[in-house]
Structure formats: structure tokens, C-alpha cells
Protein backbone atom coordinates (compact mmCIF):
# COMPACT_ATOMS: atom_id res chain seq x y z
CA MET A 1 110.86 75.06 125.48
CA GLY A 2 109.41 72.89 122.67
CA PHE A 3 105.78 71.18 122.60
CA THR A 4 105.93 71.23 126.83
CA PHE A 5 105.39 75.25 126.37
CA GLY A 6 102.10 76.07 127.69
CA LYS A 7 101.05 72.53 129.31
CA ARG A 8 100.43 74.31 132.60
CA GLU A 9 97.44 75.75 131.09
CA GLU A 10 95.88 72.68 129.80
CA PRO A 11 93.51 70.84 131.64
CA GLU A 12 93.79 67.51 132.77
CA LEU A 13 90.88 64.92 132.00
CA LYS A 14 90.03 64.12 135.41
CA GLU A 15 89.41 68.17 136.01
CA VAL A 16 87.55 68.10 132.87
CA PHE A 17 84.77 65.64 133.88
CA GLY A 18 84.87 66.52 137.53
CA GLN A 19 82.98 69.80 137.11
CA ARG A 20 79.64 70.61 136.33
CA ARG A 21 78.76 71.06 132.22
CA PRO A 22 77.62 74.07 131.69
CA SER A 23 74.79 74.17 128.88
CA THR A 24 75.18 76.21 125.41
CA ILE A 25 72.77 78.91 126.50
CA GLU A 26 75.03 79.83 129.30
CA ALA A 27 77.99 79.67 126.93
CA VAL A 28 76.54 82.14 124.45
CA ASN A 29 74.98 84.64 127.90
CA ASN A 30 78.10 84.51 129.58
CA GLN A 31 80.22 87.20 128.29
CA HIS A 32 83.29 86.27 129.94
CA ARG A 33 84.44 90.12 129.88
CA MET A 34 87.50 89.10 132.47
CA SER A 35 90.20 86.26 131.83
CA VAL A 36 88.29 83.01 131.27
CA SER A 37 89.96 79.33 132.95
CA ASN A 38 91.26 77.40 130.03
CA ARG A 39 90.72 74.70 132.29
CA GLY A 40 87.27 75.43 133.08
CA LEU A 41 84.12 73.82 130.74
CA THR A 42 81.80 76.73 129.20
CA GLY A 43 79.10 74.87 127.35
CA ALA A 44 80.51 76.27 124.01
CA SER A 45 81.77 72.72 122.75
CA ALA A 46 78.21 72.18 121.22
CA LEU A 47 76.97 75.38 120.00
CA THR A 48 74.63 75.56 117.07
CA VAL A 49 75.23 77.24 114.15
CA ARG A 50 72.22 79.66 114.97
CA GLN A 51 74.18 80.28 118.17
CA SER A 52 77.46 80.87 116.39
CA ILE A 53 76.93 82.81 113.82
CA TYR A 54 77.08 86.25 115.27
CA PRO A 55 80.60 85.54 116.59
CA ILE A 56 81.54 83.76 113.61
CA THR A 57 80.33 87.00 111.45
CA LEU A 58 82.41 89.53 113.86
CA VAL A 59 85.68 87.59 113.50
CA THR A 60 84.64 87.08 109.76
CA ILE A 61 84.94 90.87 109.43
CA LEU A 62 87.82 91.00 111.02
CA PHE A 63 89.59 88.98 108.58
CA PHE A 64 88.01 90.87 105.93
CA LEU A 65 89.84 94.09 107.39
CA TRP A 66 92.63 91.82 108.38
CA GLY A 67 92.93 90.99 104.61
CA PHE A 68 92.68 94.64 103.44
CA ALA A 69 95.26 95.96 105.93
CA TYR A 70 97.45 93.26 104.77
CA GLY A 71 97.15 94.23 101.33
CA LEU A 72 97.72 97.76 101.93
CA LEU A 73 100.42 96.73 103.81
CA ASP A 74 102.18 95.51 100.65
CA VAL A 75 101.53 98.84 98.85
CA LEU A 76 102.54 101.02 101.83
CA ASN A 77 105.73 98.78 102.50
CA ALA A 78 106.82 99.17 98.45
CA LYS A 79 106.33 103.17 98.72
CA PHE A 80 108.79 102.81 101.92
CA GLN A 81 110.94 100.85 99.85
CA THR A 82 110.87 103.11 96.37
CA ALA A 83 111.44 106.36 98.88
CA LEU A 84 114.52 104.88 101.12
CA ASN A 85 116.20 103.44 97.89
CA ILE A 86 116.10 99.82 99.62
CA THR A 87 117.73 97.19 97.87
CA ALA A 88 116.35 93.69 96.92
CA ALA A 89 118.62 92.06 99.46
CA LYS A 90 117.39 94.32 102.00
CA ALA A 91 113.81 93.89 100.98
CA GLY A 92 114.34 90.24 101.85
CA GLY A 93 115.31 91.29 105.47
CA LEU A 94 111.61 92.82 105.78
CA GLN A 95 110.58 89.83 105.04
CA GLY A 96 112.24 87.93 107.69
CA ALA A 97 111.07 90.77 109.98
CA TYR A 98 107.62 90.32 109.44
CA PHE A 99 107.38 86.72 109.08
CA GLY A 100 109.74 86.01 112.46
CA ALA A 101 107.56 87.33 114.17
CA TYR A 102 105.05 84.81 113.73
CA PHE A 103 108.05 82.49 114.54
CA ILE A 104 108.11 84.15 118.06
CA GLY A 105 104.71 85.18 118.58
CA PRO A 106 102.61 82.26 118.82
CA LEU A 107 105.05 80.07 120.58
CA THR A 108 105.48 82.56 123.61
CA TYR A 109 103.61 85.76 124.28
CA SER A 110 100.51 84.96 121.85
CA GLY A 111 100.07 81.53 122.57
CA TRP A 112 100.13 82.14 126.04
CA LEU A 113 97.72 84.76 125.87
CA VAL A 114 95.02 82.95 124.19
CA ARG A 115 95.25 79.94 126.50
CA ARG A 116 95.34 81.86 129.80
CA PHE A 117 92.78 84.86 128.95
CA GLY A 118 90.85 83.51 126.40
CA TYR A 119 89.87 84.84 122.80
CA ARG A 120 88.46 87.77 123.41
CA TRP A 121 91.44 89.24 125.20
CA THR A 122 93.90 87.88 122.41
CA PHE A 123 91.79 89.61 119.70
CA ILE A 124 92.08 92.95 121.55
CA ALA A 125 95.59 92.17 122.25
CA GLY A 126 96.73 91.49 118.94
CA LEU A 127 94.63 94.75 117.59
CA CYS A 128 96.69 96.75 119.96
CA ILE A 129 99.95 95.63 119.00
CA TYR A 130 99.03 96.05 115.43
CA GLY A 131 98.00 99.20 116.11
CA VAL A 132 101.16 100.44 117.70
CA GLY A 133 103.20 98.82 115.12
CA ALA A 134 101.35 101.12 112.66
CA LEU A 135 101.75 104.00 114.58
CA MET A 136 105.83 103.13 114.45
CA PHE A 137 105.64 103.70 110.96
CA TRP A 138 105.15 107.34 111.45
CA PRO A 139 108.56 108.09 113.48
CA SER A 140 109.90 105.85 110.75
CA ALA A 141 108.79 107.58 107.76
CA VAL A 142 110.14 111.05 109.49
CA TYR A 143 113.70 110.02 110.25
CA ARG A 144 113.49 107.60 107.15
CA SER A 145 115.32 105.08 108.95
CA PHE A 146 115.27 101.61 107.37
CA PRO A 147 115.66 99.72 110.88
CA GLY A 148 112.91 101.60 112.20
CA PHE A 149 110.89 100.24 109.04
CA CYS A 150 111.87 96.88 110.22
CA GLY A 151 111.20 97.35 113.82
CA SER A 152 107.49 98.62 112.90
CA LEU A 153 107.22 96.10 110.41
CA PHE A 154 108.03 93.41 113.45
CA ILE A 155 105.28 95.03 115.69
CA VAL A 156 102.98 94.63 112.60
CA GLY A 157 104.14 90.99 112.07
CA SER A 158 103.56 90.22 116.09
CA GLY A 159 99.96 91.86 115.96
CA LEU A 160 98.97 89.44 112.99
CA SER A 161 100.12 86.63 114.25
CA THR A 162 98.55 87.28 117.81
CA LEU A 163 95.37 87.51 115.54
CA GLU A 164 96.02 84.32 113.99
CA THR A 165 96.96 82.47 117.10
CA SER A 166 93.15 83.28 118.14
CA ALA A 167 91.38 84.01 115.20
CA ASN A 168 91.82 80.47 113.04
CA PRO A 169 91.05 78.15 116.23
CA PHE A 170 87.97 80.18 117.05
CA ILE A 171 86.59 79.96 113.87
CA ALA A 172 87.57 76.63 113.59
CA THR A 173 85.90 75.52 117.33
CA CYS A 174 82.98 77.72 117.40
CA GLY A 175 79.97 75.94 116.38
CA PRO A 176 79.14 72.61 114.80
CA PRO A 177 82.39 70.80 114.78
CA ARG A 178 81.78 68.75 111.36
CA LEU A 179 81.48 71.98 109.66
CA SER A 180 85.01 73.27 111.06
CA GLU A 181 86.63 73.21 107.66
CA PHE A 182 83.71 75.22 106.03
CA ARG A 183 83.91 77.94 108.79
CA LEU A 184 87.58 78.83 108.53
CA GLU A 185 87.76 78.65 104.77
CA LEU A 186 84.65 80.41 104.11
CA SER A 187 85.86 83.44 106.96
CA GLN A 188 89.47 83.36 105.07
CA SER A 189 87.72 83.74 101.48
CA PHE A 190 86.67 87.22 102.86
CA GLN A 191 90.29 87.91 103.93
CA ALA A 192 91.55 87.30 100.08
CA VAL A 193 88.99 89.35 99.27
CA GLY A 194 90.11 92.35 101.35
CA SER A 195 93.64 91.63 100.24
CA VAL A 196 92.61 92.27 96.42
CA ILE A 197 90.46 95.11 97.33
CA ALA A 198 93.21 97.40 99.36
CA PRO A 199 96.09 97.47 96.33
CA LEU A 200 93.57 98.25 94.07
CA LEU A 201 92.28 101.46 96.21
CA ALA A 202 95.99 101.97 96.92
CA SER A 203 97.19 102.29 93.70
CA ARG A 204 93.86 104.24 92.05
CA VAL A 205 92.77 106.26 94.92
CA PHE A 206 95.28 106.71 97.66
CA PHE A 207 98.27 107.10 96.13
CA LYS A 208 96.84 107.99 92.21
CA GLU A 209 98.85 111.41 92.00
CA THR A 210 102.12 111.03 94.86
CA ASP A 211 105.84 111.83 94.29
CA GLY A 212 107.89 108.79 95.02
CA LYS A 213 110.00 110.32 97.71
CA ASP A 214 107.01 112.07 99.41
CA LEU A 215 105.95 109.76 102.32
CA SER A 216 102.95 112.11 104.21
CA LYS A 217 100.27 109.60 102.13
CA VAL A 218 101.80 106.56 103.39
CA GLN A 219 102.66 108.02 107.32
CA TRP A 220 98.72 109.36 107.24
CA THR A 221 97.36 105.80 105.74
CA TYR A 222 99.31 104.06 108.56
CA LEU A 223 97.78 106.65 110.92
CA GLY A 224 94.17 105.97 109.94
CA ILE A 225 95.05 101.78 109.98
CA ALA A 226 96.28 102.35 113.76
CA ALA A 227 92.90 104.36 114.30
CA PHE A 228 90.69 102.01 112.87
CA VAL A 229 92.28 98.55 114.61
CA PHE A 230 92.15 100.40 117.83
CA LEU A 231 88.46 101.39 117.13
CA LEU A 232 87.90 97.48 116.37
CA ALA A 233 89.83 96.48 119.85
CA VAL A 234 86.98 98.23 121.47
CA VAL A 235 84.08 96.84 119.44
CA PHE A 236 85.54 93.37 120.45
CA TYR A 237 85.50 94.20 124.19
CA PHE A 238 81.66 94.93 124.16
CA SER A 239 80.65 91.77 121.47
CA PRO A 240 79.29 88.81 123.28
CA ILE A 241 81.99 86.53 122.04
CA PRO A 242 81.79 82.66 123.73
CA GLU A 243 85.27 81.28 124.92
CA VAL A 244 85.63 77.68 123.65
CA THR A 245 88.37 76.28 126.27
CA ASP A 246 90.30 73.19 126.04
CA ALA A 247 88.40 71.66 128.64
CA ASP A 248 85.43 72.19 126.02
CA MET A 249 87.47 70.69 123.20
CA ALA A 250 88.38 67.82 125.36
CA LEU A 251 84.74 66.85 125.80
CA GLN A 252 83.87 67.48 122.46
CA ALA A 253 86.42 65.15 121.48
CA GLU A 254 85.67 62.35 123.99
CA GLN A 255 81.83 62.40 122.93
CA CYS A 256 83.08 62.06 118.85
CA SER A 257 85.03 59.03 120.44
CA GLY A 258 82.85 56.41 119.03
CA LEU A 259 82.90 57.94 115.30
CA THR A 260 86.57 58.80 115.39
CA GLY A 261 88.15 56.53 117.74
CA PHE A 262 89.58 58.88 119.72
CA VAL A 263 92.22 58.66 122.35
CA ASP A 264 93.82 61.40 124.53
CA LYS A 265 97.30 61.56 123.86
CA PRO A 266 100.24 63.65 125.50
CA MET A 267 101.63 66.08 123.02
CA ARG A 268 104.24 64.49 121.87
CA LYS A 269 102.34 61.62 120.15
CA GLN A 270 100.25 63.99 117.91
CA TYR A 271 101.73 63.17 115.06
CA LYS A 272 99.18 64.39 112.87
CA LEU A 273 100.00 67.91 114.34
CA MET A 274 104.06 67.35 113.92
CA PHE A 275 103.37 66.32 110.18
CA GLY A 276 101.05 69.52 109.87
CA VAL A 277 103.20 71.95 111.12
CA ALA A 278 105.90 70.82 108.54
CA ALA A 279 104.02 70.98 105.82
CA GLN A 280 102.49 74.22 106.46
CA PHE A 281 105.67 75.27 106.81
CA CYS A 282 106.65 74.32 103.12
CA TYR A 283 103.25 75.31 101.91
CA VAL A 284 103.14 78.79 103.28
CA GLY A 285 107.04 79.37 102.30
CA ALA A 286 106.37 77.92 98.61
CA GLN A 287 102.99 80.01 98.47
CA VAL A 288 105.06 83.48 99.52
CA GLY A 289 107.82 82.62 97.28
CA VAL A 290 105.61 82.26 94.07
CA ALA A 291 103.70 85.44 95.14
CA ALA A 292 106.78 87.60 95.63
CA ASN A 293 108.27 86.46 92.46
CA PHE A 294 104.98 86.27 90.15
CA ILE A 295 105.35 89.82 88.42
CA LYS A 296 109.18 89.21 87.58
CA TYR A 297 108.24 85.53 86.52
CA ALA A 298 105.56 87.23 84.08
CA GLU A 299 107.99 89.98 82.48
CA GLU A 300 110.52 87.17 81.90
CA SER A 301 107.84 84.78 80.56
CA ALA A 302 105.68 87.03 78.19
CA GLY A 303 108.18 89.74 77.96
CA ILE A 304 105.79 92.45 79.02
CA ALA A 305 106.07 95.61 81.22
CA SER A 306 105.64 95.75 85.04
CA ALA A 307 102.67 97.54 84.72
CA ALA A 308 100.98 94.70 82.76
CA ALA A 309 102.95 92.10 84.79
CA SER A 310 101.06 93.52 88.05
CA ASP A 311 98.05 93.43 86.41
CA ARG A 312 98.27 89.81 85.95
CA TYR A 313 98.82 89.35 89.40
CA ALA A 314 96.20 91.01 90.14
CA ILE A 315 93.74 88.52 88.44
CA GLY A 316 96.07 85.71 90.15
CA GLN A 317 95.05 87.08 93.18
CA ALA A 318 91.44 87.55 91.99
CA LEU A 319 91.53 83.75 91.20
CA PHE A 320 92.83 83.23 94.70
CA ALA A 321 89.77 84.71 96.48
CA ILE A 322 87.66 82.95 94.25
CA GLY A 323 89.26 79.48 94.60
CA ARG A 324 88.65 79.99 98.55
CA PHE A 325 84.70 80.63 98.14
CA ALA A 326 84.65 77.44 95.51
CA ALA A 327 86.83 75.62 98.32
CA ALA A 328 83.99 76.42 100.91
CA GLY A 329 81.38 75.54 98.89
CA LEU A 330 82.84 72.08 97.76
CA MET A 331 83.68 71.25 101.35
CA MET A 332 79.75 71.29 102.02
CA ILE A 333 79.62 67.92 99.88
CA VAL A 334 82.98 66.46 99.48
CA LYS A 335 84.99 65.52 102.59
CA PRO A 336 87.48 68.38 103.40
CA ARG A 337 90.69 65.54 103.37
CA LEU A 338 89.71 65.11 99.62
CA VAL A 339 89.52 68.74 98.89
CA LEU A 340 93.05 69.12 100.05
CA MET A 341 94.21 66.33 97.96
CA VAL A 342 92.89 67.44 94.78
CA PHE A 343 94.08 71.31 95.29
CA MET A 344 97.56 69.96 96.22
CA THR A 345 97.58 67.69 93.32
CA ALA A 346 96.40 70.57 91.14
CA ILE A 347 99.20 72.76 92.29
CA MET A 348 102.00 70.35 91.70
CA VAL A 349 100.87 69.75 87.87
CA PHE A 350 100.49 73.56 87.39
CA ILE A 351 103.50 74.41 89.03
CA ALA A 352 105.52 72.21 87.03
CA LEU A 353 103.68 73.24 83.88
CA ALA A 354 104.76 77.01 84.79
CA MET A 355 108.37 75.85 85.16
CA GLY A 356 108.20 74.43 81.14
CA ILE A 357 106.03 76.98 79.32
CA LYS A 358 106.89 80.29 78.48
CA GLY A 359 104.78 83.31 77.35
CA GLU A 360 101.47 84.54 78.42
CA GLY A 361 100.64 80.45 78.86
CA GLY A 362 103.14 80.14 81.56
CA VAL A 363 101.83 83.45 83.25
CA ALA A 364 98.51 81.41 82.77
CA MET A 365 99.63 78.35 84.44
CA LEU A 366 101.00 80.28 87.33
CA SER A 367 97.75 82.00 87.95
CA LEU A 368 96.02 78.61 88.03
CA VAL A 369 98.83 77.78 90.88
CA LEU A 370 97.52 80.62 92.84
CA PHE A 371 93.87 79.70 92.27
CA PHE A 372 94.65 75.94 93.76
CA GLU A 373 96.72 77.53 96.65
CA SER A 374 93.33 79.07 97.84
CA CYS A 375 92.15 76.55 100.74
CA ILE A 376 95.62 74.84 101.47
CA PHE A 377 96.13 77.09 104.59
CA PRO A 378 92.94 76.61 106.02
CA THR A 379 92.16 73.07 105.55
CA ILE A 380 95.72 71.95 106.81
CA PHE A 381 95.20 74.22 109.95
CA THR A 382 91.86 72.38 110.56
CA LEU A 383 92.45 68.90 109.47
CA SER A 384 95.92 69.35 111.82
CA ILE A 385 94.20 70.39 115.24
CA ARG A 386 91.05 67.89 114.68
CA GLY A 387 91.36 65.38 117.76
CA LEU A 388 93.51 67.27 119.77
CA GLY A 389 91.14 67.61 122.52
CA ARG A 390 92.83 69.61 125.31
CA HIS A 391 95.90 70.08 123.42
CA THR A 392 94.16 72.11 120.54
CA LYS A 393 95.19 75.71 121.42
CA ARG A 394 98.66 74.66 121.98
CA GLY A 395 98.73 72.60 118.60
CA SER A 396 97.34 75.78 117.10
CA SER A 397 99.94 78.21 118.08
CA TRP A 398 102.53 75.90 116.27
CA ILE A 399 100.66 75.56 113.30
CA VAL A 400 100.59 79.32 113.28
CA ALA A 401 104.41 79.58 113.98
CA SER A 402 104.75 77.36 110.76
CA VAL A 403 104.06 80.63 108.84
CA CYS A 404 107.66 81.65 109.04
CA GLY A 405 108.34 79.38 106.41
CA GLY A 406 107.66 82.51 104.53
CA ALA A 407 110.54 84.00 105.74
CA LEU A 408 112.62 81.51 103.83
CA PHE A 409 111.39 80.28 100.78
CA PRO A 410 111.37 83.78 98.99
CA SER A 411 115.19 84.47 99.59
CA LEU A 412 115.97 80.97 98.17
CA THR A 413 113.85 81.31 94.71
CA GLY A 414 115.17 84.99 94.46
CA LEU A 415 118.94 83.70 94.54
CA LEU A 416 118.13 80.46 91.84
CA ALA A 417 116.32 83.33 89.89
CA ASP A 418 119.11 85.40 89.69
CA LYS A 419 121.22 82.69 88.33
CA LYS A 420 118.90 80.57 86.26
CA GLY A 421 116.02 82.88 85.61
CA TYR A 422 112.41 82.84 87.07
CA HIS A 423 110.77 79.73 85.42
CA ILE A 424 114.01 77.54 86.86
CA SER A 425 113.39 79.59 90.09
CA MET A 426 109.87 77.96 90.74
CA ALA A 427 111.64 74.79 91.29
CA VAL A 428 112.21 76.06 94.88
CA PRO A 429 108.48 76.35 95.61
CA LEU A 430 107.70 73.37 93.71
CA ILE A 431 110.20 71.51 96.29
CA GLY A 432 107.84 73.19 99.15
CA PHE A 433 104.64 71.99 97.66
CA PHE A 434 105.95 68.43 97.39
CA VAL A 435 106.54 68.18 101.27
CA ALA A 436 103.20 69.69 101.93
CA PHE A 437 101.56 66.99 99.19
CA ALA A 438 102.44 64.36 101.40
CA PHE A 439 100.36 65.72 104.31
CA PRO A 440 96.76 65.05 102.27
CA ILE A 441 98.06 61.75 101.20
CA TYR A 442 98.83 60.71 104.78
CA LEU A 443 95.60 62.12 106.10
CA ASN A 444 93.69 59.89 103.45
CA THR A 445 95.44 56.85 104.52
CA VAL A 446 96.51 56.62 108.28
CA CYS A 447 94.15 59.73 109.32
CA ARG A 448 90.87 58.34 107.21
CA LYS A 449 88.73 56.94 110.26
CA GLU A 450 89.24 59.93 112.49
CA LEU A 451 88.40 62.86 110.21
CA ASP A 452 85.39 61.37 108.37
CA GLY A 453 84.15 60.77 112.01
CA PHE A 454 84.36 64.19 112.71
CA SER A 455 82.55 65.14 109.51
CA ALA A 456 80.04 62.65 110.59
CA THR A 457 79.15 64.08 114.19
CA LYS A 458 76.00 65.87 114.69
CA ILE A 459 77.23 67.20 117.59
CA GLY A 460 75.70 71.16 117.72
CA TYR A 461 72.66 69.98 115.52
CA VAL A 462 69.49 70.38 117.04
CA ASP A 463 66.78 67.04 117.13
CA GLY A 464 63.79 66.45 118.72
CA ASP A 465 65.06 66.44 122.05
CA GLY A 466 67.42 69.54 121.98
CA VAL A 467 70.63 70.30 121.13
CA ILE A 468 72.91 66.98 120.10
CA GLY A 469 75.74 66.98 122.96
CA ASP A 470 74.50 69.43 125.02
CA VAL A 471 74.04 68.59 128.75
CA VAL A 472 70.38 69.94 128.72
CA ARG A 473 69.74 67.29 126.10
CA ASP A 474 71.36 64.70 127.77
CA GLU A 475 69.67 65.43 131.19
CA ARG A 476 66.24 65.17 129.33
CA ARG A 477 67.05 62.09 127.74
CA ALA A 478 68.73 60.47 130.85
CA SER A 479 65.01 61.46 132.87
CA LEU A 480 63.34 60.38 129.97
CA ARG A 481 64.75 56.78 130.07
CA HIS A 482 64.85 56.98 133.78
CA GLU A 483 60.68 56.96 133.62
CA GLU A 484 60.62 54.23 131.35
CA LYS A 485 62.44 51.87 133.49
CA GLY A 486 60.62 53.15 136.48
CA VAL A 487 63.38 55.00 138.01
CA ASN A 488 63.51 58.09 139.77
CA PRO A 489 64.25 60.53 137.02
CA ASN A 490 66.38 62.98 140.00
CA GLU A 491 68.63 60.02 140.48
CA GLN A 492 72.13 60.01 138.42
CA LEU A 493 72.60 57.18 136.40
CA GLU A 494 76.80 56.50 136.23
CA VAL A 495 75.97 54.76 132.45
CA TYR A 496 75.89 58.26 130.93
CA GLU A 497 78.91 59.64 132.32
CA ILE A 498 81.64 59.71 129.74
CA ASN A 499 84.71 57.31 130.52
CA PRO A 500 87.69 58.87 128.47
CA LYS A 501 90.40 56.42 127.15
CA THR A 502 93.89 57.56 127.79
CA GLU A 503 97.08 56.83 126.34
């Protein structure tokens, strides 16, 4: 299967440039309630900030709710583990079930859904799968079944991975391309906020007075989550969401080629994407490894109780959310490739310090690691899919699938912690971060011109003639030039046609 899976849904360049180009107005007005062909142009390649702000806001709300549900999921899972006397080894199996869905979904059904039916229906499908998984926790709780719990968590992971397969590339491509990293960073900032708020509400409101063996409140909470996500699926059905197809991205890449040096390549030669997949796999694994062992590290380092260590972790999560907002603002004035380089360098420094420093100082160093982790996932994602053109959706699926690294690193970190302690065990995340650190070095050397070209493009911005990159503006400018030269404006000039370069 490999990189060839999903190739049939991708357009050929001759198809893209042989069809009529719709305008951005058509892209906004066409609801696409049914499926949309990934091979067809929709006009969404040059959406302005104003035209994209509503769908971006809607999906950002989804990110927040998704982060909230994910944060709540950790608390609910802990309740299940307590009630069912699940051992640490079995808890590793839970992570395997959840992150295993990330490996399977994006490379098969969810990746196919987004290319075959478009973003709207993939959002709806992801929410429905998530809802079904939440409902499955009810019988799992009634029968107190660990296999049922694992199966439910796998279905939930399938739903969330389907949402990631659609939400991340949608945010990255819906609007002016130069703001791609900023948009995804800002949207995921609200996801981080939801992940911070949910555990606090759960511990202080939902489960304030609950017997450790009683799962009734857990069951009702999951039922409430299921009802809510099904309602959200209905909202997405009726909301005006423009569809950005691979044909649109191929057109946009060609329009930027003067700045980026873009040349259409087959998937097997998209080396930046392949490096990005490896970097994301190692980074996410390292991030989850740190998060899964943070509380135990704090207990060992500072000699504090579990409750106090949990409070330190809550502070670390808050720093993670703040870091995303800070990185988003920074990307408005600093090139994203440089932001990624600075944040990854800081992670390397502070994870090393966390290994060597004990006491509250070590906890502070590990908290700073969480702060600088904030921007890494969305920035690797957007920079990896830059310049993929007609391969954008398939490449995005591979980046999302690399999240499965979270199934490997926590177990390895825990095994080393059992033998050498939690300070030394941070060497496992350090190795993952080191591999990921090579990626921004590669971007800032080999891919510098291409990335800076996308950061400089004005597609989606408005000038005196209209929206840059929109067919209406191109036709107006061509008409004016024809009139200046005394040519009939109704004649089509071939000089304005795009001549794609392929490799």
C-alpha cells in the first residue's frame, strides 16, 4: 500500500488546468452538501481572510471541544483504571489501543474519506465514530470489561484521528497560504485550552465526591459526550464550509511557483514530507513520553505527594497552552521555520537540564519543556505539507498517522524508569526530540527558498484589482491589458495561462 494508497483520488495536472476556474465567491456560496470531487476546482485556492474566517472559527470551536473531550478522556480513563484495578502494564495497552487507531485510520478509511467525499463529510464521519466510541463505554462500564474498554478507546481514537485527518489540513489550506502556520497554531491553541480546563472541571465538579469503584458518573459523562458530538455533527452538516480540493492546492502551488520554485513531483520524491513524517513520529512519541511520566518524575524529583505533583502537571499544561498562543503571535513577525528551530533548540536544552537537576528546579525545567513543545506539532505539520500541491490530502494523512509514535515512547520511558529512575528515563524522549530536531535544521538549509516563497506570496490578499489568485481578478487584469494594446478583450490570451512544471 505505502505512499501509493489514495493515488486514484488525486488529479493529474492536465485535468486541473483543463477545467474552468471557479471564483472565490463560488467557493463560498457552493455548500457542497453532497460529496465533492477531489479532482475538481472549487475556487477555494485563493480565499481571503474574510471569506475563510467563519469556517476557520467553526473548526477552531471543534478544536476546543475536541481538546476538552480529550482532557476529560484522561480523567475518565483513570477512573476506569481505578475501578477495574488495571495494572501499569495494562494501562500501556490502553495507550496502544488509542494510538493504534491513529496508525490505521489516516492511512486507510479516514484518508480515503477526505479525498473521496471532502472535508465536511469527514468532519461528520469523525464526530459520529467518536460518538459511537463514547457510547460503547456504557456497556464496558456495566460489565466492567477491560477488553471492552480497550475496544471503546480504539473507536474513540479512530474518530479523533479522522477529525485530525480533516481538521489539520483544512485549517492549513483554508485562507491565504502565507498565514497557514499561524492559522493552525492559533486553532490548536484553543485545543490546548480545552485540554487544560477539562481535567480541572472533572476533578473539582464532575467527580468531586465519587467512590473510586463507582462508575455511574463516568457512564453518564460519556453519554453526555456522545450526545454532544452527534449534535455537533448536525451543526457541521448545515454550516457553510468551503471545500479545498487537491486540484485547488495544485493550482495554488503553480501560482506560487515564481517565488517557491515549485515543480510537481510524484509522491515518492516528496522528501520533505517523508522527513516530516519521521520527525513527527519521534516528536509525538517523545511528547507523550514526557506527559505520561511527568507526575511520577515530579514525585521522585521534588519528593512531593501525588496530588501536589498533579498540580505541577496542571501548571505545565497551562504553560503548553500559553506557548501555543505565544508561538502563533510570533509567527506573524518571524518566519515559521525559525520559530520551529528556536523552540526545538529550547526543548533540547531543557530536557537535558531536567535529567541533571533534582528538586523543584528539575520540575521547573520539565515544565519549560512543555512550554516549548507547544508549537512543534502544528508547525511540523504545515511545513511538511507545503508545496505538496495535488498530493496535499494524502501527505496530510501520513503526517497524522505519525501520531502513532505516542504508542511506543511512553512504554520505553516507563521501562527505563523502572530500572534507572525517572530522571534517567527522560533520555528516551531526548532521543525522540533529537531526531525531530534534525527536521528544522533541514528546513532552514535545504528548503529555505521554498518555505520563504510561501511566506511571501500574496494569494488571498486584496489589491486594487480584486483578490490576488482569483480568476475574476486575472480576467479583469487581462481585459485591461488587452484594451491598452487595442486587442478585443473577449479574446483569450494564452500568455496568461499557467504552464505547470513536472518532474
